[in-house]
Amino acid sequence: MSKEKSAIESIAGRPVAFGVTDFKTATAMSGLEFLQAMLVGKFPAPPICEVLDFLLVEAEPGRVLFAGIPADRFRNPLGTVHGGWMSTILDSALGCAVHSTLKAGQGYTTVDLAVSFVRAVHQSTGKLKCEAKVIHVGGRIATSEARLVDVEGKLYAHGTTTCLVMPVPAS
């Protein structure tokens, strides 16, 4: 008997493991090396990706791409996909774009997140892509911007973030 593929398997084209990589392991390499290792399954995808049906699908220096499939369970009382789903995929992409520029031994945290919604997402909208690009990376502050679009390129939301870049504690 054949089992239907999950949304994540449809996005990735393969089974995906979920979990949390040990902090020391994750920060012992550059951010880009870590993200690329996650892409090939060496490290698990974060649990939030399984819960919200989105996944990192590309990573290069200063740029990442996520893909997601909004499901019925993400709808608000009016029947559209909740803005929190869109905000979360944007936040994930924005942070990972910054992460892709970090050196081994560096970490980051979000200082602020701004999101603008330009049209409603419906369960029938289908697969969405979220591309984020770094705007600036300095010694302590990094910024990035992202766009959430459908497969035809129609814009649904966009956002920016500011992240604090910091050394990872030795312990």
Protein backbone atom coordinates (compact mmCIF):
# COMPACT_ATOMS: atom_id res chain seq x y z
CA MET A 1 0.00 0.00 0.00
CA SER A 2 1.42 3.39 -0.97
CA LYS A 3 1.53 6.20 1.54
CA GLU A 4 0.88 9.76 0.36
CA LYS A 5 3.92 12.03 0.62
CA SER A 6 3.90 14.67 3.34
CA ALA A 7 4.07 18.34 2.33
CA ILE A 8 7.72 18.40 3.44
CA GLU A 9 8.63 15.32 1.38
CA SER A 10 6.92 16.95 -1.61
CA ILE A 11 9.04 20.07 -1.14
CA ALA A 12 12.32 18.26 -0.47
CA GLY A 13 11.83 15.38 -2.91
CA ARG A 14 13.06 13.00 -0.19
CA PRO A 15 12.24 11.95 3.36
CA VAL A 16 13.35 14.58 5.89
CA ALA A 17 14.42 14.02 9.49
CA PHE A 18 13.49 16.62 12.12
CA GLY A 19 15.32 17.49 15.31
CA VAL A 20 17.75 19.88 16.90
CA THR A 21 21.47 19.74 16.19
CA ASP A 22 23.74 20.09 19.20
CA PHE A 23 24.65 23.79 19.61
CA LYS A 24 28.39 23.10 19.86
CA THR A 25 28.31 21.06 16.64
CA ALA A 26 26.22 23.62 14.78
CA THR A 27 28.45 26.55 15.71
CA ALA A 28 31.76 24.77 15.10
CA MET A 29 31.38 25.41 11.35
CA SER A 30 30.43 28.42 9.29
CA GLY A 31 26.74 29.22 9.00
CA LEU A 32 26.76 28.37 5.31
CA GLU A 33 28.44 25.00 5.93
CA PHE A 34 25.82 24.21 8.57
CA LEU A 35 22.87 25.16 6.34
CA GLN A 36 24.27 23.23 3.39
CA ALA A 37 24.79 20.16 5.61
CA MET A 38 21.15 20.45 6.66
CA LEU A 39 20.10 20.60 2.99
CA VAL A 40 21.72 17.23 2.26
CA GLY A 41 20.36 15.59 5.41
CA LYS A 42 23.58 15.49 7.44
CA PHE A 43 21.73 17.47 10.13
CA PRO A 44 17.99 17.37 10.79
CA ALA A 45 15.60 20.13 9.78
CA PRO A 46 14.28 22.13 12.75
CA PRO A 47 11.05 20.78 14.30
CA ILE A 48 9.19 23.99 13.42
CA CYS A 49 9.53 23.07 9.74
CA GLU A 50 7.61 19.85 10.30
CA VAL A 51 4.89 21.63 12.27
CA LEU A 52 4.39 24.45 9.75
CA ASP A 53 5.07 22.61 6.46
CA PHE A 54 7.97 24.71 5.19
CA LEU A 55 11.61 23.88 4.54
CA LEU A 56 14.96 25.39 3.61
CA VAL A 57 15.61 24.36 -0.02
CA GLU A 58 18.62 26.48 -1.08
CA ALA A 59 21.49 28.22 0.70
CA GLU A 60 24.39 30.25 -0.64
CA PRO A 61 26.38 33.13 0.86
CA GLY A 62 23.90 35.84 1.83
CA ARG A 63 20.87 34.17 0.22
CA VAL A 64 18.45 31.39 1.14
CA LEU A 65 15.23 30.01 -0.26
CA PHE A 66 12.46 28.35 1.72
CA ALA A 67 9.39 26.65 0.28
CA GLY A 68 6.13 25.97 2.07
CA ILE A 69 2.67 24.62 1.50
CA PRO A 70 -0.06 26.31 3.58
CA ALA A 71 -2.60 23.76 4.81
CA ASP A 72 -6.15 24.01 6.12
CA ARG A 73 -4.89 23.79 9.70
CA PHE A 74 -3.20 27.20 9.30
CA ARG A 75 -6.43 29.03 8.52
CA ASN A 76 -7.80 31.81 10.72
CA PRO A 77 -11.53 32.28 11.48
CA LEU A 78 -12.09 34.02 8.13
CA GLY A 79 -10.69 31.06 6.23
CA THR A 80 -7.43 32.61 5.04
CA VAL A 81 -3.99 31.43 6.12
CA HIS A 82 -3.04 33.07 9.41
CA GLY A 83 -0.49 35.88 9.18
CA GLY A 84 1.59 34.06 11.78
CA TRP A 85 2.35 31.33 9.24
CA MET A 86 3.57 33.92 6.72
CA SER A 87 5.52 35.79 9.40
CA THR A 88 7.23 32.60 10.54
CA ILE A 89 8.42 31.51 7.10
CA LEU A 90 9.66 35.07 6.49
CA ASP A 91 11.42 35.16 9.89
CA SER A 92 13.05 31.78 9.22
CA ALA A 93 14.32 32.82 5.80
CA LEU A 94 15.50 36.23 7.02
CA GLY A 95 17.45 34.69 9.89
CA CYS A 96 18.96 31.94 7.76
CA ALA A 97 20.14 34.50 5.18
CA VAL A 98 22.10 36.16 7.99
CA HIS A 99 23.19 32.74 9.31
CA SER A 100 24.66 31.94 5.88
CA THR A 101 27.22 34.74 6.37
CA LEU A 102 28.44 33.79 9.84
CA LYS A 103 31.87 32.43 10.62
CA ALA A 104 32.45 29.41 12.84
CA GLY A 105 32.00 30.44 16.45
CA GLN A 106 29.41 33.13 15.70
CA GLY A 107 25.71 33.16 16.49
CA TYR A 108 22.87 35.61 16.03
CA THR A 109 19.54 36.60 17.45
CA THR A 110 16.71 38.65 15.97
CA VAL A 111 16.51 42.24 17.19
CA ASP A 112 13.46 43.20 15.15
CA LEU A 113 11.19 41.83 12.46
CA ALA A 114 8.92 43.86 10.17
CA VAL A 115 6.37 42.15 7.94
CA SER A 116 4.00 43.65 5.37
CA PHE A 117 1.13 41.53 4.06
CA VAL A 118 -0.01 42.51 0.56
CA ARG A 119 -2.62 39.82 -0.18
CA ALA A 120 -4.35 36.95 1.56
CA VAL A 121 -3.01 33.41 1.31
CA HIS A 122 -5.62 30.70 0.95
CA GLN A 123 -5.16 26.97 1.41
CA SER A 124 -5.73 26.78 -2.36
CA THR A 125 -2.85 29.20 -3.06
CA GLY A 126 -0.51 26.23 -3.23
CA LYS A 127 3.24 26.17 -2.76
CA LEU A 128 4.90 29.42 -1.73
CA LYS A 129 8.56 30.39 -1.97
CA CYS A 130 10.34 32.73 0.42
CA GLU A 131 13.65 34.14 -0.76
CA ALA A 132 15.77 36.17 1.65
CA LYS A 133 18.90 38.16 0.90
CA VAL A 134 21.34 39.88 3.20
CA ILE A 135 21.43 43.65 2.94
CA HIS A 136 24.31 44.29 5.35
CA VAL A 137 26.55 42.33 7.70
CA GLY A 138 28.76 44.24 10.09
CA GLY A 139 30.70 43.31 13.18
CA ARG A 140 27.58 43.27 15.40
CA ILE A 141 24.53 44.05 13.24
CA ALA A 142 23.18 42.27 10.16
CA THR A 143 20.06 43.04 8.12
CA SER A 144 18.19 41.08 5.49
CA GLU A 145 15.05 41.32 3.39
CA ALA A 146 12.67 38.66 2.04
CA ARG A 147 9.72 38.18 -0.27
CA LEU A 148 6.99 35.52 -0.05
CA VAL A 149 5.68 34.67 -3.52
CA ASP A 150 3.66 31.96 -5.24
CA VAL A 151 5.07 29.76 -8.00
CA GLU A 152 4.15 32.42 -10.59
CA GLY A 153 5.99 35.15 -8.68
CA LYS A 154 2.92 36.92 -7.24
CA LEU A 155 3.85 38.73 -4.02
CA TYR A 156 1.94 37.86 -0.81
CA ALA A 157 4.17 39.40 1.87
CA HIS A 158 7.61 40.87 2.37
CA GLY A 159 9.73 41.63 5.39
CA THR A 160 12.99 42.77 6.87
CA THR A 161 14.98 41.88 9.96
CA THR A 162 17.83 43.21 12.02
CA CYS A 163 19.95 40.63 13.81
CA LEU A 164 22.57 40.95 16.51
CA VAL A 165 25.71 38.98 15.57
CA MET A 166 27.70 37.73 18.55
CA PRO A 167 30.45 35.31 19.47
CA VAL A 168 29.26 31.96 20.75
CA PRO A 169 30.14 31.40 24.43
CA ALA A 170 33.07 28.99 24.88
CA SER A 171 31.06 26.80 27.27
